[in-house]
Structure formats: structure tokens, C-alpha cells
Amino acid sequence: MPSDPVHRTARRRARAEVVAAITDTARRQLGEVGAQALSLRAVARELGMVSSALYRYFPSRDDLLTALIVDAYDGLGAAAEQAADTAAAPRER
């Protein structure tokens, strides 16, 4: 099937877009209601998805929270690396 690799690439890209939308929405809700009140159902509802569809991307609330934590640490690490690369002296960092 010649279009199979293209189809898989399109599917991966679509999945990445949905995951990004889920994590962006969850991150915002996390800031508003806190970790204890974060709900997969509320995230799904805001995105216009049924909650069962969201579970295909994140099997549990803890998995979603873990993804948000990993994203935050990755962002912090990238910012620290960029600051170290651009600053000439430690005080400038």
C-alpha cells in the first residue's frame, strides 16, 4: 500500500495535535482549580469530546498529571539551558 506511510504520518500528526489540545486545556484548568480538582471529564467537556475518547490518550488522571509535570520540567530545563548559553557571566543568568 503506497499511501500507508503517509496515512500513519497523518495519524501521528493528528494524535499529537489532540494530545497538545488536551494538555493545554488541562494545564489551564490545573491553574484554575488545582491538582485535586482536575478532572478528565471536565477537560474532555471543554474540548467537546466524550470522556471515553480522552481516555484513549491518557488512561488516567494521574497519567495526564504526569505528562504535565514532565512538560513543565522539560520547559524549565530548556529555559535553563538557553539562559546558560546566552549569558556570558553567572550574574547575567
PDB file of N, CA and C in Angstrom:
ATOM      1  N   MET A   1       0.833  -1.184   0.000  1.00  0.00           N
ATOM      2  CA  MET A   1       0.000   0.000   0.000  1.00  0.00           C
ATOM      3  C   MET A   1       0.883   1.256   0.000  1.00  0.00           C
ATOM      4  N   PRO A   2       0.972   2.012  -1.061  1.00  0.00           N
ATOM      5  CA  PRO A   2       1.852   3.159  -1.119  1.00  0.00           C
ATOM      6  C   PRO A   2       1.462   4.297  -0.176  1.00  0.00           C
ATOM      7  N   SER A   3       0.201   4.463   0.112  1.00  0.00           N
ATOM      8  CA  SER A   3      -0.216   5.582   0.968  1.00  0.00           C
ATOM      9  C   SER A   3      -0.152   5.248   2.458  1.00  0.00           C
ATOM     10  N   ASP A   4       0.202   4.031   2.802  1.00  0.00           N
ATOM     11  CA  ASP A   4       0.216   3.634   4.202  1.00  0.00           C
ATOM     12  C   ASP A   4       1.164   4.480   5.060  1.00  0.00           C
ATOM     13  N   PRO A   5       2.427   4.721   4.656  1.00  0.00           N
ATOM     14  CA  PRO A   5       3.292   5.577   5.483  1.00  0.00           C
ATOM     15  C   PRO A   5       2.745   6.999   5.632  1.00  0.00           C
ATOM     16  N   VAL A   6       2.149   7.516   4.593  1.00  0.00           N
ATOM     17  CA  VAL A   6       1.567   8.856   4.665  1.00  0.00           C
ATOM     18  C   VAL A   6       0.398   8.854   5.644  1.00  0.00           C
ATOM     19  N   HIS A   7      -0.410   7.817   5.577  1.00  0.00           N
ATOM     20  CA  HIS A   7      -1.557   7.702   6.479  1.00  0.00           C
ATOM     21  C   HIS A   7      -1.083   7.645   7.931  1.00  0.00           C
ATOM     22  N   ARG A   8      -0.037   6.855   8.186  1.00  0.00           N
ATOM     23  CA  ARG A   8       0.486   6.767   9.554  1.00  0.00           C
ATOM     24  C   ARG A   8       1.032   8.103  10.020  1.00  0.00           C
ATOM     25  N   THR A   9       1.700   8.815   9.133  1.00  0.00           N
ATOM     26  CA  THR A   9       2.231  10.125   9.490  1.00  0.00           C
ATOM     27  C   THR A   9       1.093  11.099   9.798  1.00  0.00           C
ATOM     28  N   ALA A  10       0.072  11.091   8.991  1.00  0.00           N
ATOM     29  CA  ALA A  10      -1.082  11.959   9.235  1.00  0.00           C
ATOM     30  C   ALA A  10      -1.754  11.596  10.550  1.00  0.00           C
ATOM     31  N   ARG A  11      -1.850  10.315  10.828  1.00  0.00           N
ATOM     32  CA  ARG A  11      -2.465   9.867  12.078  1.00  0.00           C
ATOM     33  C   ARG A  11      -1.627  10.320  13.278  1.00  0.00           C
ATOM     34  N   ARG A  12      -0.303  10.183  13.152  1.00  0.00           N
ATOM     35  CA  ARG A  12       0.574  10.633  14.242  1.00  0.00           C
ATOM     36  C   ARG A  12       0.452  12.134  14.472  1.00  0.00           C
ATOM     37  N   ARG A  13       0.398  12.876  13.378  1.00  0.00           N
ATOM     38  CA  ARG A  13       0.283  14.334  13.479  1.00  0.00           C
ATOM     39  C   ARG A  13      -1.052  14.710  14.129  1.00  0.00           C
ATOM     40  N   ALA A  14      -2.125  14.060  13.731  1.00  0.00           N
ATOM     41  CA  ALA A  14      -3.444  14.329  14.318  1.00  0.00           C
ATOM     42  C   ALA A  14      -3.455  13.969  15.802  1.00  0.00           C
ATOM     43  N   ARG A  15      -2.839  12.849  16.140  1.00  0.00           N
ATOM     44  CA  ARG A  15      -2.770  12.446  17.546  1.00  0.00           C
ATOM     45  C   ARG A  15      -1.992  13.468  18.366  1.00  0.00           C
ATOM     46  N   ALA A  16      -0.876  13.937  17.817  1.00  0.00           N
ATOM     47  CA  ALA A  16      -0.059  14.936  18.520  1.00  0.00           C
ATOM     48  C   ALA A  16      -0.847  16.221  18.744  1.00  0.00           C
ATOM     49  N   GLU A  17      -1.657  16.612  17.763  1.00  0.00           N
ATOM     50  CA  GLU A  17      -2.479  17.815  17.906  1.00  0.00           C
ATOM     51  C   GLU A  17      -3.526  17.645  18.998  1.00  0.00           C
ATOM     52  N   VAL A  18      -4.139  16.474  19.055  1.00  0.00           N
ATOM     53  CA  VAL A  18      -5.149  16.223  20.092  1.00  0.00           C
ATOM     54  C   VAL A  18      -4.491  16.191  21.468  1.00  0.00           C
ATOM     55  N   VAL A  19      -3.345  15.532  21.579  1.00  0.00           N
ATOM     56  CA  VAL A  19      -2.624  15.478  22.856  1.00  0.00           C
ATOM     57  C   VAL A  19      -2.253  16.892  23.299  1.00  0.00           C
ATOM     58  N   ALA A  20      -1.788  17.727  22.372  1.00  0.00           N
ATOM     59  CA  ALA A  20      -1.441  19.108  22.711  1.00  0.00           C
ATOM     60  C   ALA A  20      -2.671  19.877  23.191  1.00  0.00           C
ATOM     61  N   ALA A  21      -3.797  19.692  22.545  1.00  0.00           N
ATOM     62  CA  ALA A  21      -5.026  20.374  22.967  1.00  0.00           C
ATOM     63  C   ALA A  21      -5.450  19.911  24.361  1.00  0.00           C
ATOM     64  N   ILE A  22      -5.331  18.626  24.612  1.00  0.00           N
ATOM     65  CA  ILE A  22      -5.688  18.086  25.932  1.00  0.00           C
ATOM     66  C   ILE A  22      -4.774  18.659  26.996  1.00  0.00           C
ATOM     67  N   THR A  23      -3.467  18.621  26.764  1.00  0.00           N
ATOM     68  CA  THR A  23      -2.531  19.103  27.789  1.00  0.00           C
ATOM     69  C   THR A  23      -2.648  20.612  27.986  1.00  0.00           C
ATOM     70  N   ASP A  24      -2.882  21.371  26.920  1.00  0.00           N
ATOM     71  CA  ASP A  24      -3.062  22.818  27.069  1.00  0.00           C
ATOM     72  C   ASP A  24      -4.294  23.126  27.919  1.00  0.00           C
ATOM     73  N   THR A  25      -5.388  22.438  27.630  1.00  0.00           N
ATOM     74  CA  THR A  25      -6.622  22.645  28.386  1.00  0.00           C
ATOM     75  C   THR A  25      -6.446  22.206  29.834  1.00  0.00           C
ATOM     76  N   ALA A  26      -5.814  21.063  30.034  1.00  0.00           N
ATOM     77  CA  ALA A  26      -5.599  20.560  31.393  1.00  0.00           C
ATOM     78  C   ALA A  26      -4.674  21.489  32.177  1.00  0.00           C
ATOM     79  N   ARG A  27      -3.653  22.024  31.529  1.00  0.00           N
ATOM     80  CA  ARG A  27      -2.721  22.939  32.199  1.00  0.00           C
ATOM     81  C   ARG A  27      -3.450  24.190  32.665  1.00  0.00           C
ATOM     82  N   ARG A  28      -4.320  24.716  31.807  1.00  0.00           N
ATOM     83  CA  ARG A  28      -5.079  25.900  32.184  1.00  0.00           C
ATOM     84  C   ARG A  28      -6.027  25.592  33.341  1.00  0.00           C
ATOM     85  N   GLN A  29      -6.733  24.457  33.235  1.00  0.00           N
ATOM     86  CA  GLN A  29      -7.644  24.080  34.314  1.00  0.00           C
ATOM     87  C   GLN A  29      -6.890  23.812  35.611  1.00  0.00           C
ATOM     88  N   LEU A  30      -5.715  23.237  35.496  1.00  0.00           N
ATOM     89  CA  LEU A  30      -4.895  22.970  36.678  1.00  0.00           C
ATOM     90  C   LEU A  30      -4.585  24.281  37.402  1.00  0.00           C
ATOM     91  N   GLY A  31      -4.280  25.318  36.637  1.00  0.00           N
ATOM     92  CA  GLY A  31      -4.022  26.628  37.231  1.00  0.00           C
ATOM     93  C   GLY A  31      -5.255  27.234  37.883  1.00  0.00           C
ATOM     94  N   GLU A  32      -6.412  26.918  37.347  1.00  0.00           N
ATOM     95  CA  GLU A  32      -7.656  27.476  37.877  1.00  0.00           C
ATOM     96  C   GLU A  32      -8.194  26.718  39.083  1.00  0.00           C
ATOM     97  N   VAL A  33      -8.154  25.377  39.035  1.00  0.00           N
ATOM     98  CA  VAL A  33      -8.817  24.595  40.082  1.00  0.00           C
ATOM     99  C   VAL A  33      -7.863  23.777  40.946  1.00  0.00           C
ATOM    100  N   GLY A  34      -6.603  23.669  40.548  1.00  0.00           N
ATOM    101  CA  GLY A  34      -5.636  22.892  41.323  1.00  0.00           C
ATOM    102  C   GLY A  34      -5.653  21.420  40.947  1.00  0.00           C
ATOM    103  N   ALA A  35      -4.616  20.721  41.395  1.00  0.00           N
ATOM    104  CA  ALA A  35      -4.435  19.313  41.039  1.00  0.00           C
ATOM    105  C   ALA A  35      -5.547  18.425  41.601  1.00  0.00           C
ATOM    106  N   GLN A  36      -6.010  18.716  42.800  1.00  0.00           N
ATOM    107  CA  GLN A  36      -7.029  17.879  43.427  1.00  0.00           C
ATOM    108  C   GLN A  36      -8.336  17.891  42.653  1.00  0.00           C
ATOM    109  N   ALA A  37      -8.663  19.032  42.049  1.00  0.00           N
ATOM    110  CA  ALA A  37      -9.952  19.166  41.373  1.00  0.00           C
ATOM    111  C   ALA A  37      -9.870  18.938  39.859  1.00  0.00           C
ATOM    112  N   LEU A  38      -8.671  18.689  39.337  1.00  0.00           N
ATOM    113  CA  LEU A  38      -8.549  18.457  37.903  1.00  0.00           C
ATOM    114  C   LEU A  38      -9.318  17.191  37.533  1.00  0.00           C
ATOM    115  N   SER A  39     -10.130  17.295  36.502  1.00  0.00           N
ATOM    116  CA  SER A  39     -10.997  16.198  36.100  1.00  0.00           C
ATOM    117  C   SER A  39     -10.852  15.937  34.607  1.00  0.00           C
ATOM    118  N   LEU A  40     -10.629  14.671  34.245  1.00  0.00           N
ATOM    119  CA  LEU A  40     -10.566  14.316  32.832  1.00  0.00           C
ATOM    120  C   LEU A  40     -11.897  14.617  32.150  1.00  0.00           C
ATOM    121  N   ARG A  41     -12.954  14.415  32.851  1.00  0.00           N
ATOM    122  CA  ARG A  41     -14.282  14.681  32.300  1.00  0.00           C
ATOM    123  C   ARG A  41     -14.458  16.163  31.969  1.00  0.00           C
ATOM    124  N   ALA A  42     -13.971  17.044  32.856  1.00  0.00           N
ATOM    125  CA  ALA A  42     -14.074  18.485  32.614  1.00  0.00           C
ATOM    126  C   ALA A  42     -13.195  18.901  31.431  1.00  0.00           C
ATOM    127  N   VAL A  43     -12.015  18.316  31.326  1.00  0.00           N
ATOM    128  CA  VAL A  43     -11.127  18.606  30.199  1.00  0.00           C
ATOM    129  C   VAL A  43     -11.799  18.168  28.904  1.00  0.00           C
ATOM    130  N   ALA A  44     -12.330  16.966  28.896  1.00  0.00           N
ATOM    131  CA  ALA A  44     -12.997  16.441  27.706  1.00  0.00           C
ATOM    132  C   ALA A  44     -14.190  17.311  27.327  1.00  0.00           C
ATOM    133  N   ARG A  45     -14.961  17.705  28.305  1.00  0.00           N
ATOM    134  CA  ARG A  45     -16.152  18.522  28.041  1.00  0.00           C
ATOM    135  C   ARG A  45     -15.752  19.849  27.403  1.00  0.00           C
ATOM    136  N   GLU A  46     -14.704  20.477  27.912  1.00  0.00           N
ATOM    137  CA  GLU A  46     -14.259  21.755  27.353  1.00  0.00           C
ATOM    138  C   GLU A  46     -13.787  21.605  25.907  1.00  0.00           C
ATOM    139  N   LEU A  47     -13.210  20.454  25.581  1.00  0.00           N
ATOM    140  CA  LEU A  47     -12.719  20.210  24.228  1.00  0.00           C
ATOM    141  C   LEU A  47     -13.804  19.685  23.292  1.00  0.00           C
ATOM    142  N   GLY A  48     -14.991  19.451  23.833  1.00  0.00           N
ATOM    143  CA  GLY A  48     -16.078  18.923  23.015  1.00  0.00           C
ATOM    144  C   GLY A  48     -15.918  17.444  22.718  1.00  0.00           C
ATOM    145  N   MET A  49     -15.222  16.739  23.592  1.00  0.00           N
ATOM    146  CA  MET A  49     -15.006  15.301  23.439  1.00  0.00           C
ATOM    147  C   MET A  49     -15.819  14.569  24.498  1.00  0.00           C
ATOM    148  N   VAL A  50     -16.099  13.316  24.242  1.00  0.00           N
ATOM    149  CA  VAL A  50     -16.649  12.480  25.300  1.00  0.00           C
ATOM    150  C   VAL A  50     -15.474  11.992  26.134  1.00  0.00           C
ATOM    151  N   SER A  51     -15.702  11.785  27.408  1.00  0.00           N
ATOM    152  CA  SER A  51     -14.588  11.417  28.281  1.00  0.00           C
ATOM    153  C   SER A  51     -13.949  10.096  27.881  1.00  0.00           C
ATOM    154  N   SER A  52     -14.717   9.184  27.319  1.00  0.00           N
ATOM    155  CA  SER A  52     -14.133   7.901  26.899  1.00  0.00           C
ATOM    156  C   SER A  52     -13.099   8.104  25.796  1.00  0.00           C
ATOM    157  N   ALA A  53     -13.267   9.111  24.955  1.00  0.00           N
ATOM    158  CA  ALA A  53     -12.285   9.403  23.901  1.00  0.00           C
ATOM    159  C   ALA A  53     -10.990   9.922  24.511  1.00  0.00           C
ATOM    160  N   LEU A  54     -11.093  10.728  25.543  1.00  0.00           N
ATOM    161  CA  LEU A  54      -9.894  11.270  26.191  1.00  0.00           C
ATOM    162  C   LEU A  54      -9.063  10.156  26.826  1.00  0.00           C
ATOM    163  N   TYR A  55      -9.725   9.125  27.318  1.00  0.00           N
ATOM    164  CA  TYR A  55      -9.008   8.013  27.946  1.00  0.00           C
ATOM    165  C   TYR A  55      -8.150   7.238  26.947  1.00  0.00           C
ATOM    166  N   ARG A  56      -8.378   7.414  25.653  1.00  0.00           N
ATOM    167  CA  ARG A  56      -7.507   6.790  24.641  1.00  0.00           C
ATOM    168  C   ARG A  56      -6.138   7.453  24.618  1.00  0.00           C
ATOM    169  N   TYR A  57      -6.087   8.698  25.047  1.00  0.00           N
ATOM    170  CA  TYR A  57      -4.836   9.454  25.040  1.00  0.00           C
ATOM    171  C   TYR A  57      -4.145   9.428  26.403  1.00  0.00           C
ATOM    172  N   PHE A  58      -4.926   9.470  27.452  1.00  0.00           N
ATOM    173  CA  PHE A  58      -4.409   9.430  28.820  1.00  0.00           C
ATOM    174  C   PHE A  58      -5.280   8.460  29.609  1.00  0.00           C
ATOM    175  N   PRO A  59      -4.742   7.281  29.946  1.00  0.00           N
ATOM    176  CA  PRO A  59      -5.551   6.248  30.601  1.00  0.00           C
ATOM    177  C   PRO A  59      -6.112   6.639  31.975  1.00  0.00           C
ATOM    178  N   SER A  60      -5.471   7.634  32.614  1.00  0.00           N
ATOM    179  CA  SER A  60      -5.963   8.046  33.927  1.00  0.00           C
ATOM    180  C   SER A  60      -5.611   9.510  34.176  1.00  0.00           C
ATOM    181  N   ARG A  61      -6.221  10.057  35.173  1.00  0.00           N
ATOM    182  CA  ARG A  61      -5.942  11.433  35.592  1.00  0.00           C
ATOM    183  C   ARG A  61      -4.482  11.562  35.989  1.00  0.00           C
ATOM    184  N   ASP A  62      -3.954  10.548  36.676  1.00  0.00           N
ATOM    185  CA  ASP A  62      -2.547  10.577  37.089  1.00  0.00           C
ATOM    186  C   ASP A  62      -1.605  10.573  35.884  1.00  0.00           C
ATOM    187  N   ASP A  63      -1.972   9.865  34.829  1.00  0.00           N
ATOM    188  CA  ASP A  63      -1.152   9.880  33.620  1.00  0.00           C
ATOM    189  C   ASP A  63      -1.130  11.281  32.999  1.00  0.00           C
ATOM    190  N   LEU A  64      -2.258  11.956  33.013  1.00  0.00           N
ATOM    191  CA  LEU A  64      -2.321  13.315  32.487  1.00  0.00           C
ATOM    192  C   LEU A  64      -1.489  14.256  33.357  1.00  0.00           C
ATOM    193  N   LEU A  65      -1.621  14.150  34.664  1.00  0.00           N
ATOM    194  CA  LEU A  65      -0.820  14.981  35.566  1.00  0.00           C
ATOM    195  C   LEU A  65       0.673  14.718  35.378  1.00  0.00           C
ATOM    196  N   THR A  66       1.046  13.463  35.205  1.00  0.00           N
ATOM    197  CA  THR A  66       2.447  13.116  34.977  1.00  0.00           C
ATOM    198  C   THR A  66       2.950  13.758  33.691  1.00  0.00           C
ATOM    199  N   ALA A  67       2.156  13.729  32.644  1.00  0.00           N
ATOM    200  CA  ALA A  67       2.543  14.358  31.377  1.00  0.00           C
ATOM    201  C   ALA A  67       2.735  15.867  31.563  1.00  0.00           C
ATOM    202  N   LEU A  68       1.877  16.494  32.353  1.00  0.00           N
ATOM    203  CA  LEU A  68       2.016  17.929  32.606  1.00  0.00           C
ATOM    204  C   LEU A  68       3.279  18.229  33.399  1.00  0.00           C
ATOM    205  N   ILE A  69       3.598  17.384  34.365  1.00  0.00           N
ATOM    206  CA  ILE A  69       4.812  17.562  35.163  1.00  0.00           C
ATOM    207  C   ILE A  69       6.052  17.406  34.290  1.00  0.00           C
ATOM    208  N   VAL A  70       6.067  16.377  33.450  1.00  0.00           N
ATOM    209  CA  VAL A  70       7.205  16.149  32.545  1.00  0.00           C
ATOM    210  C   VAL A  70       7.365  17.337  31.598  1.00  0.00           C
ATOM    211  N   ASP A  71       6.262  17.839  31.050  1.00  0.00           N
ATOM    212  CA  ASP A  71       6.321  19.006  30.164  1.00  0.00           C
ATOM    213  C   ASP A  71       6.899  20.218  30.891  1.00  0.00           C
ATOM    214  N   ALA A  72       6.490  20.412  32.145  1.00  0.00           N
ATOM    215  CA  ALA A  72       6.980  21.553  32.921  1.00  0.00           C
ATOM    216  C   ALA A  72       8.477  21.437  33.179  1.00  0.00           C
ATOM    217  N   TYR A  73       8.941  20.256  33.556  1.00  0.00           N
ATOM    218  CA  TYR A  73      10.370  20.067  33.792  1.00  0.00           C
ATOM    219  C   TYR A  73      11.170  20.215  32.501  1.00  0.00           C
ATOM    220  N   ASP A  74      10.637  19.715  31.395  1.00  0.00           N
ATOM    221  CA  ASP A  74      11.318  19.881  30.102  1.00  0.00           C
ATOM    222  C   ASP A  74      11.434  21.364  29.740  1.00  0.00           C
ATOM    223  N   GLY A  75      10.364  22.100  29.961  1.00  0.00           N
ATOM    224  CA  GLY A  75      10.380  23.540  29.684  1.00  0.00           C
ATOM    225  C   GLY A  75      11.353  24.284  30.576  1.00  0.00           C
ATOM    226  N   LEU A  76      11.396  23.913  31.838  1.00  0.00           N
ATOM    227  CA  LEU A  76      12.329  24.527  32.774  1.00  0.00           C
ATOM    228  C   LEU A  76      13.773  24.228  32.379  1.00  0.00           C
ATOM    229  N   GLY A  77      14.033  22.986  32.004  1.00  0.00           N
ATOM    230  CA  GLY A  77      15.378  22.608  31.574  1.00  0.00           C
ATOM    231  C   GLY A  77      15.794  23.349  30.320  1.00  0.00           C
ATOM    232  N   ALA A  78      14.887  23.477  29.374  1.00  0.00           N
ATOM    233  CA  ALA A  78      15.196  24.201  28.137  1.00  0.00           C
ATOM    234  C   ALA A  78      15.477  25.667  28.418  1.00  0.00           C
ATOM    235  N   ALA A  79      14.697  26.266  29.308  1.00  0.00           N
ATOM    236  CA  ALA A  79      14.919  27.670  29.662  1.00  0.00           C
ATOM    237  C   ALA A  79      16.268  27.851  30.365  1.00  0.00           C
ATOM    238  N   ALA A  80      16.613  26.913  31.238  1.00  0.00           N
ATOM    239  CA  ALA A  80      17.904  26.990  31.932  1.00  0.00           C
ATOM    240  C   ALA A  80      19.059  26.835  30.952  1.00  0.00           C
ATOM    241  N   GLU A  81      18.938  25.915  30.015  1.00  0.00           N
ATOM    242  CA  GLU A  81      19.981  25.732  29.009  1.00  0.00           C
ATOM    243  C   GLU A  81      20.127  26.966  28.137  1.00  0.00           C
ATOM    244  N   GLN A  82      19.009  27.557  27.747  1.00  0.00           N
ATOM    245  CA  GLN A  82      19.057  28.752  26.922  1.00  0.00           C
ATOM    246  C   GLN A  82      19.704  29.903  27.685  1.00  0.00           C
ATOM    247  N   ALA A  83      19.371  30.049  28.955  1.00  0.00           N
ATOM    248  CA  ALA A  83      19.965  31.110  29.765  1.00  0.00           C
ATOM    249  C   ALA A  83      21.462  30.890  29.912  1.00  0.00           C
ATOM    250  N   ALA A  84      21.873  29.655  30.089  1.00  0.00           N
ATOM    251  CA  ALA A  84      23.296  29.352  30.230  1.00  0.00           C
ATOM    252  C   ALA A  84      24.045  29.623  28.933  1.00  0.00           C
ATOM    253  N   ASP A  85      23.398  29.371  27.805  1.00  0.00           N
ATOM    254  CA  ASP A  85      24.035  29.585  26.503  1.00  0.00           C
ATOM    255  C   ASP A  85      24.149  31.064  26.147  1.00  0.00           C
ATOM    256  N   THR A  86      23.188  31.865  26.565  1.00  0.00           N
ATOM    257  CA  THR A  86      23.163  33.264  26.150  1.00  0.00           C
ATOM    258  C   THR A  86      23.849  34.201  27.135  1.00  0.00           C
ATOM    259  N   ALA A  87      24.002  33.804  28.384  1.00  0.00           N
ATOM    260  CA  ALA A  87      24.600  34.680  29.385  1.00  0.00           C
ATOM    261  C   ALA A  87      26.103  34.453  29.443  1.00  0.00           C
ATOM    262  N   ALA A  88      26.827  35.544  29.456  1.00  0.00           N
ATOM    263  CA  ALA A  88      28.293  35.456  29.499  1.00  0.00           C
ATOM    264  C   ALA A  88      28.791  35.208  30.920  1.00  0.00           C
ATOM    265  N   ALA A  89      28.151  35.807  31.884  1.00  0.00           N
ATOM    266  CA  ALA A  89      28.600  35.685  33.274  1.00  0.00           C
ATOM    267  C   ALA A  89      27.464  35.110  34.111  1.00  0.00           C
ATOM    268  N   PRO A  90      27.799  34.411  35.191  1.00  0.00           N
ATOM    269  CA  PRO A  90      26.741  33.842  36.048  1.00  0.00           C
ATOM    270  C   PRO A  90      25.725  34.853  36.536  1.00  0.00           C
ATOM    271  N   ARG A  91      26.149  36.084  36.816  1.00  0.00           N
ATOM    272  CA  ARG A  91      25.197  37.091  37.290  1.00  0.00           C
ATOM    273  C   ARG A  91      24.160  37.456  36.233  1.00  0.00           C
ATOM    274  N   GLU A  92      24.523  37.329  34.969  1.00  0.00           N
ATOM    275  CA  GLU A  92      23.597  37.638  33.888  1.00  0.00           C
ATOM    276  C   GLU A  92      22.555  36.552  33.716  1.00  0.00           C
ATOM    277  N   ARG A  93      22.824  35.364  34.211  1.00  0.00           N
ATOM    278  CA  ARG A  93      21.876  34.271  34.102  1.00  0.00           C
ATOM    279  C   ARG A  93      20.750  34.481  35.048  1.00  0.00           C
TER     280      ARG A  93
END
